[in-house]
Amino acid sequence: MNNLIKTEWLKIKYYRAFWLLLGITALSYPGINYMFYSLYQKISEGKGQANQAAMFFIGNPFSFPEAWHTVSYFSSYFVFIPAVVVIMFITNEYTFKTHRQNIIDGWSRNQFMTSKLIDVAIISAIVTILFTIIALVVGVINTNDVSGNIMDMIYYIGLFALQTFSQLSLAFMVGFLVRKAFISLGIFLFYFIILEPILVKVAAFKFYDLGRFLPLAISDRMIPVPAFFAKFGKEAYDKNISDIPLFTLLTILLTILIWFLCYKINNKRDL
């Protein structure tokens, strides 16, 4: 295992695109949350009747414990940025034939795939740590006494980590199957940004909401919209919250299936 990690580090160490995209990720996650937080501040500081009515409805979604939920929800929109890193990692193996060199150097096919799983896990961990720091900062700023309720919804750290790992695993699978960087990126981003959201919306009206069982939607349902939306549809919000255990289980099963297929395909196809 140590050998796999050391080898992957050598690949990453001088990979400028990785560090560039990691920097973009580090900026984008606090950026999206700051944008919504600034909007909330403008509403809360307003003195008009409309501002007061809005504050009555939304409360303070950035105070603990709700900050864990709110920040995880907004942060999940930017998982496509680390997904680009994951796709470039695996497609570079085929572009520069390093996957063959690893096998020549004595790795088994399973060891090669395990090294890629480690890459995805490390990137997911980095993103989760970043989210945790942002949520802590935002929550502390907006909570008068953090000692009493900071831990109440901390499980959203685990949900966010699982969601990130699952969606990055799907991105990995696209890159692994296609092997070409730009084609893989095009396919994943088209599916992530355009195709699946359309399918989910259409299915919600015409196909008994079966779109919620699409690959990305499954993990998205683990982190439903923040609590302040409940003011506009409490019944739907309560159902989304009650469905979290189901979609957590489905996300775990889907992620296991993705890696099972990747291992199987890797063992059978030509180098």
Protein backbone atom coordinates (compact mmCIF):
# COMPACT_ATOMS: atom_id res chain seq x y z
CA MET A 1 0.00 0.00 0.00
CA ASN A 2 2.82 2.41 0.90
CA ASN A 3 4.42 1.73 -2.48
CA LEU A 4 1.17 2.61 -4.26
CA ILE A 5 0.82 5.86 -2.34
CA LYS A 6 4.45 6.87 -2.95
CA THR A 7 4.14 6.17 -6.68
CA GLU A 8 0.93 8.19 -6.94
CA TRP A 9 2.55 11.06 -5.05
CA LEU A 10 5.42 11.13 -7.55
CA LYS A 11 2.85 11.41 -10.35
CA ILE A 12 1.03 14.24 -8.58
CA LYS A 13 4.06 16.12 -7.29
CA TYR A 14 5.07 17.64 -10.63
CA TYR A 15 1.60 17.65 -12.19
CA ARG A 16 0.89 21.39 -12.53
CA ALA A 17 -2.69 20.94 -13.70
CA PHE A 18 -3.49 19.12 -10.46
CA TRP A 19 -2.22 21.96 -8.29
CA LEU A 20 -3.94 24.55 -10.47
CA LEU A 21 -7.30 22.79 -10.27
CA LEU A 22 -6.81 22.16 -6.57
CA GLY A 23 -6.31 25.90 -6.14
CA ILE A 24 -9.46 26.61 -8.14
CA THR A 25 -11.33 24.14 -5.94
CA ALA A 26 -10.01 25.83 -2.81
CA LEU A 27 -11.37 29.15 -4.09
CA SER A 28 -14.67 27.96 -5.55
CA TYR A 29 -16.06 26.28 -2.43
CA PRO A 30 -15.71 29.29 -0.13
CA GLY A 31 -16.68 31.51 -3.06
CA ILE A 32 -20.10 29.93 -3.64
CA ASN A 33 -20.88 29.97 0.08
CA TYR A 34 -19.73 33.57 0.44
CA MET A 35 -22.01 34.56 -2.42
CA PHE A 36 -25.09 33.13 -0.72
CA TYR A 37 -23.95 34.38 2.68
CA SER A 38 -23.57 37.91 1.30
CA LEU A 39 -27.08 37.69 -0.13
CA TYR A 40 -28.38 36.58 3.26
CA GLN A 41 -26.58 39.49 4.97
CA LYS A 42 -28.14 42.02 2.60
CA ILE A 43 -31.58 40.64 3.36
CA SER A 44 -31.01 40.49 7.12
CA GLU A 45 -29.63 44.03 7.32
CA GLY A 46 -32.50 45.56 5.37
CA LYS A 47 -35.12 47.53 7.30
CA GLY A 48 -38.05 47.30 4.90
CA GLN A 49 -41.13 45.15 5.41
CA ALA A 50 -40.07 42.85 2.59
CA ASN A 51 -36.74 42.22 4.33
CA GLN A 52 -38.45 41.50 7.63
CA ALA A 53 -40.86 39.09 5.97
CA ALA A 54 -37.99 37.32 4.23
CA MET A 55 -36.10 36.96 7.53
CA PHE A 56 -39.21 35.48 9.13
CA PHE A 57 -39.30 32.82 6.44
CA ILE A 58 -35.62 31.88 6.16
CA GLY A 59 -34.35 32.43 9.72
CA ASN A 60 -30.55 32.09 9.84
CA PRO A 61 -29.44 29.11 7.70
CA PHE A 62 -25.76 29.91 8.41
CA SER A 63 -25.87 29.45 12.19
CA PHE A 64 -25.19 26.14 13.93
CA PRO A 65 -26.37 23.49 13.60
CA GLU A 66 -28.03 24.32 10.26
CA ALA A 67 -24.72 25.67 8.89
CA TRP A 68 -23.53 22.09 8.31
CA HIS A 69 -26.55 21.45 6.10
CA THR A 70 -26.55 24.79 4.27
CA VAL A 71 -22.83 24.83 3.44
CA SER A 72 -22.84 21.19 2.33
CA TYR A 73 -25.79 21.87 0.01
CA PHE A 74 -24.23 24.89 -1.70
CA SER A 75 -20.77 23.27 -1.83
CA SER A 76 -22.15 20.21 -3.63
CA TYR A 77 -22.76 22.31 -6.74
CA PHE A 78 -19.02 22.52 -7.38
CA VAL A 79 -18.07 18.86 -7.28
CA PHE A 80 -17.51 19.04 -11.04
CA ILE A 81 -14.22 20.91 -10.44
CA PRO A 82 -12.46 18.09 -8.52
CA ALA A 83 -14.15 15.73 -11.01
CA VAL A 84 -12.01 17.34 -13.73
CA VAL A 85 -8.91 16.46 -11.69
CA VAL A 86 -10.04 12.84 -11.34
CA ILE A 87 -10.72 12.49 -15.06
CA MET A 88 -7.36 14.00 -15.97
CA PHE A 89 -5.60 11.63 -13.55
CA ILE A 90 -6.95 8.47 -15.12
CA THR A 91 -6.83 9.60 -18.74
CA ASN A 92 -3.20 10.71 -18.34
CA GLU A 93 -2.36 7.12 -17.41
CA TYR A 94 -3.44 6.06 -20.90
CA THR A 95 -2.11 9.13 -22.70
CA PHE A 96 1.41 8.69 -21.33
CA LYS A 97 1.23 4.86 -21.06
CA THR A 98 2.14 4.95 -17.37
CA HIS A 99 -0.47 2.26 -16.68
CA ARG A 100 1.61 -0.12 -18.79
CA GLN A 101 4.80 0.90 -17.04
CA ASN A 102 3.24 0.18 -13.66
CA ILE A 103 2.38 -3.35 -14.80
CA ILE A 104 5.87 -3.84 -16.26
CA ASP A 105 7.32 -2.70 -12.92
CA GLY A 106 5.49 -5.51 -11.16
CA TRP A 107 2.10 -4.12 -10.21
CA SER A 108 -0.93 -6.32 -10.65
CA ARG A 109 -3.95 -4.94 -12.45
CA ASN A 110 -5.81 -4.78 -9.15
CA GLN A 111 -2.98 -2.77 -7.59
CA PHE A 112 -3.17 -0.26 -10.41
CA MET A 113 -6.91 0.14 -9.90
CA THR A 114 -6.44 0.40 -6.13
CA SER A 115 -3.97 3.24 -6.66
CA LYS A 116 -6.65 5.10 -8.61
CA LEU A 117 -9.21 4.43 -5.87
CA ILE A 118 -6.72 5.97 -3.41
CA ASP A 119 -6.41 9.03 -5.66
CA VAL A 120 -10.18 9.53 -5.67
CA ALA A 121 -10.37 8.99 -1.90
CA ILE A 122 -7.60 11.54 -1.25
CA ILE A 123 -9.23 14.18 -3.45
CA SER A 124 -12.57 13.52 -1.76
CA ALA A 125 -10.91 13.91 1.65
CA ILE A 126 -9.30 17.22 0.63
CA VAL A 127 -12.66 18.58 -0.56
CA THR A 128 -14.39 17.37 2.62
CA ILE A 129 -11.78 19.03 4.84
CA LEU A 130 -12.25 22.25 2.89
CA PHE A 131 -16.03 22.06 3.32
CA THR A 132 -15.64 21.38 7.05
CA ILE A 133 -13.42 24.42 7.55
CA ILE A 134 -15.84 26.65 5.65
CA ALA A 135 -18.84 25.37 7.60
CA LEU A 136 -17.04 25.88 10.91
CA VAL A 137 -16.03 29.45 10.05
CA VAL A 138 -19.49 30.38 8.78
CA GLY A 139 -21.23 28.72 11.71
CA VAL A 140 -19.01 30.29 14.38
CA ILE A 141 -19.48 33.75 12.88
CA ASN A 142 -23.27 33.41 12.89
CA THR A 143 -23.84 31.58 16.19
CA ASN A 144 -23.86 33.31 19.56
CA ASP A 145 -23.20 30.15 21.57
CA VAL A 146 -21.63 27.30 19.61
CA SER A 147 -21.12 25.02 22.61
CA GLY A 148 -24.69 23.80 22.76
CA ASN A 149 -25.58 22.82 19.21
CA ILE A 150 -22.46 22.65 17.03
CA MET A 151 -22.55 18.83 16.98
CA ASP A 152 -26.28 18.42 16.29
CA MET A 153 -26.02 18.07 12.49
CA ILE A 154 -22.36 17.21 12.13
CA TYR A 155 -23.34 14.02 10.28
CA TYR A 156 -23.56 16.21 7.17
CA ILE A 157 -19.76 15.99 7.04
CA GLY A 158 -20.10 12.25 6.44
CA LEU A 159 -22.92 12.73 3.94
CA PHE A 160 -20.91 15.33 2.03
CA ALA A 161 -17.83 13.07 1.99
CA LEU A 162 -19.87 10.13 0.67
CA GLN A 163 -21.60 12.30 -1.94
CA THR A 164 -18.27 13.69 -3.14
CA PHE A 165 -16.59 10.28 -3.29
CA SER A 166 -19.55 8.76 -5.13
CA GLN A 167 -19.73 11.49 -7.77
CA LEU A 168 -15.96 11.55 -8.25
CA SER A 169 -16.10 7.77 -8.65
CA LEU A 170 -18.61 8.24 -11.45
CA ALA A 171 -16.31 10.81 -13.07
CA PHE A 172 -13.45 8.35 -12.74
CA MET A 173 -15.48 5.64 -14.45
CA VAL A 174 -16.20 7.91 -17.41
CA GLY A 175 -12.51 8.71 -17.81
CA PHE A 176 -11.54 5.07 -17.29
CA LEU A 177 -13.92 3.82 -19.98
CA VAL A 178 -13.30 6.56 -22.57
CA ARG A 179 -9.54 7.07 -21.93
CA LYS A 180 -9.46 10.37 -23.84
CA ALA A 181 -9.28 13.43 -21.59
CA PHE A 182 -11.29 16.01 -23.53
CA ILE A 183 -13.93 13.53 -24.66
CA SER A 184 -14.32 12.24 -21.09
CA LEU A 185 -14.58 15.77 -19.72
CA GLY A 186 -17.14 16.68 -22.36
CA ILE A 187 -19.27 13.63 -21.61
CA PHE A 188 -19.18 14.06 -17.84
CA LEU A 189 -19.78 17.81 -17.79
CA PHE A 190 -22.60 17.52 -20.33
CA TYR A 191 -24.23 14.82 -18.22
CA PHE A 192 -23.57 16.63 -14.91
CA ILE A 193 -24.66 20.12 -15.95
CA ILE A 194 -27.25 19.52 -18.68
CA LEU A 195 -28.51 16.00 -19.33
CA GLU A 196 -29.26 14.60 -15.89
CA PRO A 197 -30.87 17.81 -14.53
CA ILE A 198 -33.20 17.81 -17.54
CA LEU A 199 -34.01 14.11 -17.10
CA VAL A 200 -34.71 14.62 -13.40
CA LYS A 201 -37.10 17.52 -14.10
CA VAL A 202 -38.92 15.66 -16.86
CA ALA A 203 -39.22 12.49 -14.78
CA ALA A 204 -40.60 14.49 -11.84
CA PHE A 205 -43.66 15.41 -13.90
CA LYS A 206 -44.13 12.49 -16.30
CA PHE A 207 -42.43 9.39 -14.92
CA TYR A 208 -43.34 9.22 -11.22
CA ASP A 209 -40.16 11.05 -10.17
CA LEU A 210 -37.95 8.14 -11.26
CA GLY A 211 -35.25 10.67 -12.09
CA ARG A 212 -34.28 10.68 -8.42
CA PHE A 213 -32.72 7.25 -9.01
CA LEU A 214 -30.31 8.50 -11.67
CA PRO A 215 -26.60 8.19 -10.72
CA LEU A 216 -25.92 11.76 -9.59
CA ALA A 217 -29.42 12.40 -8.27
CA ILE A 218 -29.12 9.50 -5.84
CA SER A 219 -26.24 11.08 -3.97
CA ASP A 220 -27.72 14.58 -4.34
CA ARG A 221 -30.78 13.40 -2.41
CA MET A 222 -28.60 12.70 0.62
CA ILE A 223 -28.22 16.46 1.04
CA PRO A 224 -31.67 17.98 0.42
CA VAL A 225 -32.33 21.70 0.16
CA PRO A 226 -31.64 23.63 3.41
CA ALA A 227 -34.26 24.01 6.11
CA PHE A 228 -35.33 27.54 5.16
CA PHE A 229 -36.93 26.09 2.02
CA ALA A 230 -39.23 24.16 4.34
CA LYS A 231 -41.09 27.39 4.95
CA PHE A 232 -42.28 27.20 1.34
CA GLY A 233 -43.04 23.46 1.27
CA LYS A 234 -42.74 21.74 4.62
CA GLU A 235 -44.32 18.47 3.55
CA ALA A 236 -41.88 18.01 0.67
CA TYR A 237 -38.96 19.01 2.90
CA ASP A 238 -39.93 16.53 5.61
CA LYS A 239 -40.14 13.76 3.02
CA ASN A 240 -36.70 14.65 1.65
CA ILE A 241 -35.22 14.48 5.15
CA SER A 242 -36.87 11.12 5.83
CA ASP A 243 -35.47 9.77 2.55
CA ILE A 244 -31.83 10.48 3.50
CA PRO A 245 -31.16 6.94 4.91
CA LEU A 246 -32.57 5.34 1.74
CA PHE A 247 -30.47 7.44 -0.62
CA THR A 248 -27.40 7.01 1.58
CA LEU A 249 -27.74 3.25 1.20
CA LEU A 250 -28.34 3.56 -2.55
CA THR A 251 -25.29 5.82 -2.89
CA ILE A 252 -23.10 3.28 -1.09
CA LEU A 253 -24.40 0.46 -3.29
CA LEU A 254 -23.93 2.50 -6.47
CA THR A 255 -20.37 3.46 -5.51
CA ILE A 256 -19.49 -0.17 -4.76
CA LEU A 257 -20.96 -1.17 -8.13
CA ILE A 258 -18.92 1.49 -9.96
CA TRP A 259 -15.63 0.27 -8.50
CA PHE A 260 -16.58 -3.39 -8.91
CA LEU A 261 -17.18 -2.79 -12.63
CA CYS A 262 -13.94 -0.80 -12.97
CA TYR A 263 -11.91 -3.61 -11.39
CA LYS A 264 -13.60 -6.21 -13.57
CA ILE A 265 -13.16 -4.26 -16.80
CA ASN A 266 -9.56 -3.44 -15.99
CA ASN A 267 -8.77 -7.12 -15.44
CA LYS A 268 -10.20 -8.14 -18.80
CA ARG A 269 -9.36 -5.46 -21.32
CA ASP A 270 -6.11 -4.99 -23.21
CA LEU A 271 -3.46 -2.69 -21.85
